[in-house]
Protein backbone atom coordinates (compact mmCIF):
# COMPACT_ATOMS: atom_id res chain seq x y z
CA MET A 1 12.77 -16.25 11.84
CA VAL A 2 16.28 -17.05 13.04
CA LEU A 3 18.05 -16.49 16.34
CA TYR A 4 20.81 -13.85 16.15
CA HIS A 5 23.42 -13.49 18.90
CA ASP A 6 26.99 -12.19 19.06
CA ARG A 7 27.18 -11.47 15.31
CA ARG A 8 26.09 -14.96 14.33
CA ILE A 9 22.99 -16.93 13.43
CA MET A 10 22.46 -19.41 16.23
CA PRO A 11 21.21 -22.97 15.64
CA ASN A 12 17.97 -23.70 17.45
CA ASP A 13 19.55 -26.41 19.59
CA LYS A 14 21.81 -23.83 21.23
CA GLY A 15 18.88 -22.56 23.25
CA ASN A 16 17.91 -18.93 23.76
CA PRO A 17 20.94 -16.98 25.00
CA THR A 18 20.54 -13.76 26.93
CA ASN A 19 20.41 -10.70 24.65
CA ALA A 20 19.66 -12.84 21.58
CA VAL A 21 17.05 -11.49 19.16
CA TYR A 22 14.81 -13.07 16.57
CA VAL A 23 15.27 -11.59 13.10
CA HIS A 24 14.22 -12.38 9.56
CA GLU A 25 17.15 -14.04 7.84
CA LYS A 26 16.54 -12.32 4.51
CA CYS A 27 16.02 -8.97 6.18
CA ILE A 28 19.56 -9.25 7.52
CA VAL A 29 20.84 -10.08 4.05
CA TRP A 30 19.04 -7.17 2.39
CA ALA A 31 19.52 -4.54 5.13
CA PRO A 32 21.83 -2.00 3.43
CA ARG A 33 24.12 -1.30 6.38
CA VAL A 34 24.64 -4.85 7.58
CA GLN A 35 28.10 -6.16 6.76
CA SER A 36 28.60 -9.90 6.33
CA SER A 37 31.62 -12.12 6.12
CA GLY A 38 30.84 -15.80 5.87
CA SER A 39 28.58 -16.60 8.82
CA THR A 40 29.41 -13.38 10.71
CA PHE A 41 27.23 -10.27 10.53
CA LYS A 42 28.03 -6.80 11.79
CA ASN A 43 25.87 -3.79 12.54
CA VAL A 44 22.65 -5.81 12.87
CA GLU A 45 21.59 -4.10 16.10
CA ASN A 46 22.10 -0.64 14.60
CA GLU A 47 20.03 -1.61 11.56
CA ILE A 48 17.23 -2.86 13.79
CA ASN A 49 17.23 0.47 15.62
CA ARG A 50 17.37 2.43 12.37
CA ALA A 51 14.53 0.41 10.81
CA SER A 52 12.37 0.92 13.90
CA ARG A 53 12.15 4.63 12.99
CA TRP A 54 11.08 4.05 9.37
CA GLU A 55 7.53 3.35 8.26
CA CYS A 56 7.01 1.00 5.35
CA SER A 57 5.77 2.84 2.25
CA ARG A 58 3.34 0.01 1.58
CA CYS A 59 1.85 -1.03 4.94
CA ASN A 60 2.71 2.07 7.02
CA LEU A 61 4.17 -0.05 9.84
CA ARG A 62 7.61 0.53 11.31
CA GLY A 63 10.61 -1.73 10.88
CA ALA A 64 11.25 -1.09 7.18
CA ALA A 65 15.00 -1.29 6.54
CA LEU A 66 14.99 -1.76 2.76
CA GLY A 67 15.10 1.63 1.05
CA CYS A 68 14.87 2.53 -2.63
CA TYR A 69 18.37 2.54 -4.13
CA TYR A 70 17.73 5.83 -5.92
CA GLY A 71 19.75 8.32 -3.91
CA HIS A 72 17.12 10.98 -3.22
CA CYS A 73 14.11 8.68 -2.78
CA ARG A 74 12.71 8.30 0.73
CA LYS A 75 10.57 5.22 0.08
CA THR A 76 11.44 2.28 2.29
CA TYR A 77 9.90 -1.17 2.70
CA HIS A 78 9.80 -4.40 4.58
CA VAL A 79 11.29 -7.04 2.30
CA ALA A 80 7.99 -8.94 2.25
CA CYS A 81 6.05 -5.76 1.40
CA ALA A 82 8.38 -4.81 -1.45
CA MET A 83 7.91 -8.34 -2.78
CA MET A 84 4.21 -7.67 -3.19
CA ILE A 85 4.74 -4.60 -5.38
CA PRO A 86 5.12 -5.90 -8.96
CA GLU A 87 6.69 -2.65 -10.20
CA CYS A 88 9.65 -2.82 -7.80
CA ARG A 89 12.92 -3.96 -9.38
CA TRP A 90 15.60 -6.03 -7.67
CA ASP A 91 19.36 -6.49 -8.02
CA VAL A 92 19.93 -9.80 -6.24
CA GLU A 93 23.71 -9.60 -6.68
CA GLY A 94 24.13 -6.07 -5.34
CA LEU A 95 21.20 -6.50 -2.91
CA HIS A 96 19.39 -3.35 -4.05
CA VAL A 97 15.76 -2.55 -4.72
CA TRP A 98 14.17 0.31 -6.66
CA CYS A 99 10.69 1.62 -5.97
CA PRO A 100 8.18 1.82 -8.88
CA ASN A 101 8.98 5.50 -9.47
CA HIS A 102 12.70 4.86 -9.96
CA ALA A 103 12.78 1.32 -11.35
CA PRO A 104 15.36 0.87 -14.14
CA HIS A 105 13.90 0.21 -17.56
CA ASP A 106 15.41 -3.20 -18.05
CA ASP A 107 14.55 -6.84 -17.50
CA MET A 108 15.10 -6.93 -13.74
CA SER A 109 12.05 -8.22 -11.90
CA SER A 110 11.02 -9.30 -8.48
CA PRO A 111 11.86 -12.73 -7.09
CA THR A 112 8.94 -15.13 -6.96
CA MET A 113 6.58 -15.35 -4.04
CA GLU A 114 7.75 -18.94 -3.64
CA SER A 115 11.36 -17.91 -3.10
CA ASP A 116 13.01 -17.84 0.29
CA ILE A 117 13.15 -14.06 0.16
CA VAL A 118 9.56 -14.01 1.35
CA LEU A 119 9.74 -15.10 4.98
CA GLN A 120 6.70 -17.17 5.68
CA VAL A 121 6.80 -18.87 9.07
CA ASP A 122 9.26 -19.36 11.92
CA GLN A 123 12.34 -21.22 10.75
CA LEU A 124 14.23 -21.62 14.00
CA ASN A 125 16.15 -24.68 12.82
CA THR A 126 18.11 -22.65 10.30
CA SER A 127 21.84 -23.30 10.62
CA SER A 128 24.55 -20.69 10.22
CA SER A 129 25.48 -22.10 6.83
CA SER A 130 21.98 -21.66 5.40
CA LEU A 131 22.35 -17.89 5.20
CA SER A 132 24.96 -17.98 2.49
CA GLN A 133 23.05 -20.73 0.71
CA GLY A 134 19.89 -18.65 0.66
CA GLN A 135 21.79 -15.60 -0.54
CA CYS A 136 23.33 -17.48 -3.44
CA SER A 137 19.99 -18.97 -4.45
CA ASP A 138 18.21 -15.62 -4.85
CA LYS A 139 19.56 -15.07 -8.35
CA GLU A 140 18.35 -18.50 -9.39
CA ARG A 141 14.88 -17.58 -8.16
CA ILE A 142 14.35 -14.52 -10.37
CA SER A 143 10.83 -14.97 -11.52
CA SER A 144 10.06 -17.07 -14.53
CA ASN A 145 6.42 -17.38 -13.53
CA TYR A 146 6.08 -14.03 -11.77
CA ARG A 147 3.69 -12.50 -14.30
CA ARG A 148 1.49 -15.58 -14.14
CA GLU A 149 0.85 -14.92 -10.44
CA GLN A 150 0.97 -11.14 -10.58
CA ASN A 151 -2.79 -10.65 -10.34
CA LEU A 152 -3.02 -12.88 -7.27
CA GLN A 153 -0.18 -11.01 -5.59
CA ASN A 154 -1.73 -7.64 -6.40
CA GLN A 155 -4.68 -8.55 -4.21
CA SER A 156 -2.29 -8.36 -1.26
CA SER A 157 -1.42 -4.76 -2.09
CA THR A 158 -4.48 -3.34 -0.30
CA LEU A 159 -3.21 -0.86 2.26
CA VAL A 160 -3.19 -2.24 5.78
CA ASP A 161 -5.49 0.44 7.17
CA GLN A 162 -8.06 -0.56 4.52
CA TRP A 163 -8.22 -4.18 5.64
CA VAL A 164 -11.57 -5.42 6.94
CA LEU A 165 -11.14 -8.52 9.10
CA LEU A 166 -13.64 -11.20 10.10
CA GLY A 167 -12.72 -13.97 12.54
CA ILE A 168 -14.27 -17.45 12.27
CA SER A 169 -14.08 -20.23 14.90
CA LEU A 170 -11.30 -18.51 16.83
CA SER A 171 -10.19 -19.57 20.29
CA ALA A 172 -10.22 -16.99 23.08
CA SER A 173 -6.50 -16.33 22.65
CA GLU A 174 -6.88 -16.04 18.87
CA GLU A 175 -9.70 -13.54 19.32
CA ASP A 176 -7.45 -11.46 21.58
CA SER A 177 -4.67 -11.66 18.98
CA LEU A 178 -7.05 -10.53 16.23
CA LYS A 179 -8.15 -7.52 18.28
CA GLU A 180 -4.53 -6.57 18.96
CA PHE A 181 -3.65 -7.07 15.29
CA ALA A 182 -6.53 -4.83 14.19
CA SER A 183 -5.48 -2.15 16.67
CA LEU A 184 -1.83 -2.18 15.60
CA THR A 185 -2.62 -2.13 11.87
CA ASN A 186 -5.54 0.31 12.15
CA SER A 187 -7.68 -2.15 10.20
CA THR A 188 -11.40 -2.68 10.72
CA LEU A 189 -12.75 -5.64 12.69
CA VAL A 190 -16.30 -6.85 11.95
CA GLU A 191 -18.47 -9.58 13.47
CA ASP A 192 -20.53 -10.62 10.43
CA TRP A 193 -19.89 -11.19 6.76
CA ASP A 194 -20.02 -8.19 4.47
CA LYS A 195 -18.77 -7.88 0.91
CA ASN A 196 -16.27 -5.25 2.13
CA VAL A 197 -14.44 -7.90 4.16
CA THR A 198 -10.91 -8.35 2.81
CA HIS A 199 -9.70 -11.19 5.06
CA VAL A 200 -11.51 -14.04 6.78
CA ILE A 201 -9.34 -15.32 9.64
CA VAL A 202 -9.98 -18.98 10.48
CA GLY A 203 -9.04 -20.56 13.82
CA ARG A 204 -6.45 -23.29 13.99
CA ASN A 205 -8.93 -25.92 15.22
CA THR A 206 -11.49 -25.70 12.44
CA ASP A 207 -14.16 -28.28 11.71
CA THR A 208 -16.46 -29.11 8.81
CA ALA A 209 -19.11 -26.67 10.02
CA CYS A 210 -16.58 -23.84 9.93
CA VAL A 211 -15.32 -24.77 6.47
CA ARG A 212 -18.87 -24.70 5.13
CA SER A 213 -19.83 -21.57 7.02
CA TYR A 214 -21.61 -18.76 5.21
CA ALA A 215 -18.70 -16.35 5.63
CA VAL A 216 -16.12 -18.77 4.20
CA LEU A 217 -18.31 -19.62 1.20
CA MET A 218 -19.05 -15.96 0.47
CA ALA A 219 -15.37 -15.06 0.78
CA ILE A 220 -14.52 -17.66 -1.87
CA LEU A 221 -17.19 -16.37 -4.23
CA TYR A 222 -16.05 -12.75 -3.79
CA GLY A 223 -12.36 -13.66 -4.19
CA LYS A 224 -11.34 -12.58 -0.68
CA TRP A 225 -8.49 -13.90 1.44
CA ILE A 226 -9.21 -16.86 3.76
CA VAL A 227 -6.18 -17.34 6.00
CA ARG A 228 -5.29 -19.31 9.08
CA ALA A 229 -4.95 -17.50 12.39
CA GLY A 230 -1.19 -18.08 12.25
CA TRP A 231 -1.00 -15.13 9.85
CA ILE A 232 -1.91 -12.68 12.61
CA VAL A 233 -0.11 -14.56 15.38
CA ASP A 234 3.18 -14.53 13.46
CA PHE A 235 2.77 -10.81 12.82
CA LEU A 236 2.36 -10.12 16.52
CA VAL A 237 5.48 -12.13 17.33
CA GLN A 238 7.66 -10.70 14.57
CA ARG A 239 6.07 -7.26 14.05
CA ILE A 240 6.49 -7.53 10.27
CA PRO A 241 3.61 -8.19 7.85
CA HIS A 242 3.68 -11.50 6.00
CA PRO A 243 2.24 -12.35 2.57
CA GLU A 244 -1.10 -14.08 2.91
CA THR A 245 -0.33 -16.85 0.43
CA PRO A 246 1.57 -19.21 2.79
CA TYR A 247 -1.29 -18.97 5.29
CA GLU A 248 -4.16 -19.38 2.83
CA MET A 249 -6.68 -22.05 3.78
CA THR A 250 -6.66 -25.32 1.86
CA PHE A 251 -9.61 -27.65 2.17
CA TYR A 252 -9.68 -31.39 1.68
CA GLY A 253 -12.24 -33.60 0.00
CA GLY A 254 -12.43 -37.35 -0.44
CA LEU A 255 -9.21 -39.31 -0.09
CA HIS A 256 -7.62 -36.22 1.51
CA THR A 257 -7.57 -34.48 -1.88
CA SER A 258 -6.50 -30.85 -1.68
CA ILE A 259 -9.20 -28.37 -2.71
CA SER A 260 -7.93 -24.94 -3.66
CA GLY A 261 -11.26 -23.14 -3.96
CA PRO A 262 -10.06 -19.95 -2.23
CA THR A 263 -7.11 -19.63 -4.62
CA LYS A 264 -9.32 -20.29 -7.65
CA GLY A 265 -11.87 -17.77 -6.44
CA ARG A 266 -9.23 -15.06 -6.05
CA ALA A 267 -7.77 -15.86 -9.46
CA ARG A 268 -11.16 -15.61 -11.18
CA ALA A 269 -11.92 -12.34 -9.41
CA ALA A 270 -8.51 -10.90 -10.34
CA GLU A 271 -8.96 -11.89 -13.97
CA GLY A 272 -12.52 -10.57 -14.16
CA ALA A 273 -13.59 -14.01 -15.40
CA PRO A 274 -17.23 -15.20 -15.40
CA LYS A 275 -18.44 -16.15 -11.95
CA LEU A 276 -18.88 -19.70 -10.73
CA PHE A 277 -22.63 -20.05 -11.38
CA SER A 278 -22.92 -17.73 -14.39
CA GLY A 279 -25.67 -18.89 -16.74
CA LEU A 280 -27.20 -21.28 -14.19
CA ASN A 281 -30.66 -21.05 -12.63
CA PHE A 282 -31.77 -22.31 -9.23
CA CYS A 283 -35.15 -22.95 -7.61
CA PHE A 284 -35.75 -24.12 -4.08
CA SER A 285 -37.69 -26.57 -1.96
CA ALA A 286 -40.78 -25.21 -0.27
CA TYR A 287 -39.65 -26.96 2.91
CA LEU A 288 -36.46 -24.98 3.43
CA HIS A 289 -36.08 -22.99 6.61
CA VAL A 290 -36.41 -19.28 5.82
CA GLU A 291 -32.85 -18.52 7.00
CA ASP A 292 -31.40 -21.37 4.92
CA LEU A 293 -33.32 -20.16 1.87
CA GLU A 294 -31.93 -16.65 2.26
CA ASP A 295 -28.36 -17.97 2.60
CA PHE A 296 -28.70 -20.17 -0.50
CA GLN A 297 -30.12 -17.31 -2.54
CA ASN A 298 -27.33 -14.96 -1.47
CA LEU A 299 -24.63 -17.53 -2.26
CA ILE A 300 -26.05 -18.20 -5.71
CA ALA A 301 -26.37 -14.49 -6.48
CA ALA A 302 -22.79 -13.87 -5.32
CA GLY A 303 -21.69 -16.67 -7.63
CA GLY A 304 -23.40 -15.08 -10.62
CA GLY A 305 -26.31 -17.54 -10.72
CA GLN A 306 -30.01 -16.75 -10.99
CA PRO A 307 -32.14 -17.64 -7.93
CA MET A 308 -35.79 -18.10 -8.95
CA GLU A 309 -38.74 -17.82 -6.60
CA GLY A 310 -42.27 -19.15 -6.88
CA VAL A 311 -41.39 -21.83 -9.41
CA SER A 312 -43.63 -24.89 -9.29
CA PRO A 313 -43.02 -28.17 -11.11
CA ASP A 314 -45.86 -27.32 -13.48
CA SER A 315 -44.46 -23.89 -14.39
CA LEU A 316 -40.87 -25.10 -14.74
CA PRO A 317 -41.04 -26.21 -18.43
CA GLU A 318 -42.27 -22.76 -19.51
CA ILE A 319 -39.62 -21.03 -17.40
CA ARG A 320 -36.91 -23.22 -18.91
CA ASN A 321 -38.00 -22.04 -22.35
CA ARG A 322 -37.77 -18.39 -21.32
CA PHE A 323 -34.52 -18.57 -19.34
CA PRO A 324 -31.53 -20.21 -21.06
CA GLY A 325 -29.22 -22.30 -18.95
CA LYS A 326 -29.64 -25.32 -16.76
CA VAL A 327 -32.08 -25.29 -13.84
CA TYR A 328 -31.16 -26.83 -10.48
CA PHE A 329 -33.62 -27.64 -7.72
CA ILE A 330 -32.10 -27.39 -4.23
CA TYR A 331 -33.35 -29.29 -1.21
CA HIS A 332 -31.86 -29.41 2.29
CA GLY A 333 -29.62 -32.47 2.53
CA GLY A 334 -28.60 -32.20 6.17
CA PRO A 335 -30.29 -32.84 9.51
CA PRO A 336 -33.33 -30.65 10.22
CA ARG A 337 -32.99 -27.48 12.27
CA ASP A 338 -35.92 -28.56 14.44
CA SER A 339 -36.68 -32.21 15.09
CA THR A 340 -40.44 -32.60 15.52
CA ARG A 341 -42.88 -35.43 15.40
CA TYR A 342 -43.84 -34.19 11.94
CA PHE A 343 -40.34 -34.66 10.56
CA ASN A 344 -41.01 -38.00 8.85
CA CYS A 345 -44.09 -36.59 7.20
CA ILE A 346 -42.19 -33.54 5.97
CA LEU A 347 -39.34 -35.72 4.73
CA LYS A 348 -41.77 -37.82 2.70
CA LYS A 349 -43.28 -34.69 1.14
CA GLN A 350 -39.81 -33.34 0.36
CA ILE A 351 -38.90 -36.55 -1.44
CA GLU A 352 -42.10 -36.35 -3.47
CA GLU A 353 -41.31 -32.72 -4.27
CA CYS A 354 -37.83 -33.66 -5.54
CA VAL A 355 -39.31 -36.33 -7.80
CA GLU A 356 -41.78 -33.86 -9.32
CA TYR A 357 -39.12 -31.24 -10.05
CA GLY A 358 -36.89 -33.91 -11.53
CA LYS A 359 -39.69 -35.00 -13.87
CA SER A 360 -40.12 -31.36 -14.95
CA GLY A 361 -36.50 -31.17 -16.11
CA ALA A 362 -34.63 -29.72 -13.13
CA GLN A 363 -31.37 -31.20 -11.89
CA VAL A 364 -32.11 -32.08 -8.25
CA ILE A 365 -29.22 -31.39 -5.85
CA SER A 366 -28.64 -31.22 -2.12
CA HIS A 367 -27.53 -27.91 -0.65
CA LEU A 368 -24.34 -29.75 0.36
CA MET A 369 -23.48 -30.15 -3.33
CA LEU A 370 -23.85 -26.39 -3.69
CA TYR A 371 -21.40 -25.92 -0.82
CA ASP A 372 -18.94 -28.41 -2.29
CA ALA A 373 -19.05 -26.68 -5.68
CA ILE A 374 -18.13 -23.41 -3.97
CA LEU A 375 -15.37 -24.95 -1.83
CA SER A 376 -13.77 -26.44 -4.93
CA TYR A 377 -14.79 -23.48 -7.12
CA ASP A 378 -16.01 -25.91 -9.76
CA ALA A 379 -19.64 -25.97 -10.91
CA ARG A 380 -19.16 -29.44 -12.37
CA ILE A 381 -19.55 -30.73 -8.83
CA LEU A 382 -23.28 -30.11 -9.33
CA GLU A 383 -23.53 -32.77 -12.01
CA PRO A 384 -24.87 -36.24 -11.12
CA GLY A 385 -22.34 -38.57 -9.54
CA ARG A 386 -19.61 -35.94 -9.30
CA SER A 387 -17.34 -35.44 -6.29
CA PHE A 388 -14.42 -33.31 -5.16
CA HIS A 389 -11.53 -35.50 -6.24
CA GLU A 390 -12.60 -35.91 -9.88
CA TYR A 391 -11.60 -32.34 -10.77
CA MET A 392 -8.71 -31.66 -8.43
């Protein structure tokens, strides 16, 4: 976002003059009736008023100033929305866009998602000279890697009123923002994880418990969006939908190594590739809490693995002969849900249990290793001595 006042883009250090408005810099550039000369822009206010009457053909929200260049077509878009339609075609010199129905049959393609044409977050420090710089750079950003990311971008093309939103670890103000966002976009707001969820919205002040929450892990395995709350907050401020990619959650392992499990999960889902735990079998400690056991089984099934019940150390060799693929034995590696005077006794029995399953040929792992494998979307994490940063 930039500050527009008296036909000019205002530097942030000039304050907030009366009657100034916040606008998307690239929306000014691409608005068909805005006239520019150097750092001066004319007819911006009229274009804002005109766009306020037009609904975007992709998200159905108002404020869509960018219309299809074909004369009789009535399709119109937000710049960011048009960017997420792979079949749209762009003329970055003439500043025109064609909808999929009227796209010229030539080599024109959309600019990349990484280009400045997709407005990601507030950029209030933009100077008046940056507008012409950004305009000139559009041609240089015509996609060379666009097709490589096309499947990931297509996941954003779900219609807004089909979004199903789940908030995780939100503050009171973020919860209010999510409710307002859902109301404005006519999307569905749910309180618990369901495979129909399209977006998991994570609060700004997240902790380890949130990162390893059931909803976040399931969203990764199902290839759903996991975005920071800034995605909805920026929408409410600017009233224009943003691509999810700049707001997608990134986790960190040892040595502050970036873990892009959500991105990998979406890519695998888009490609129809084998799931994370495909071909792997899992059995469980008899000392797991019933709710933990159910969560672990659901996570493994969602990841394409095979959860096995009623498997004893004695029966494991026969089962390994019947079921191809490695067998993992999962025990609870965290603090107990209920601390009792019997805890030390139970812990001793659990250790003995792990030893027996290990002797029978199972790979013994903590449930935390299962979580880490999902967060990094890499099953190699389950192997002995492995950690996040080895495969990042």
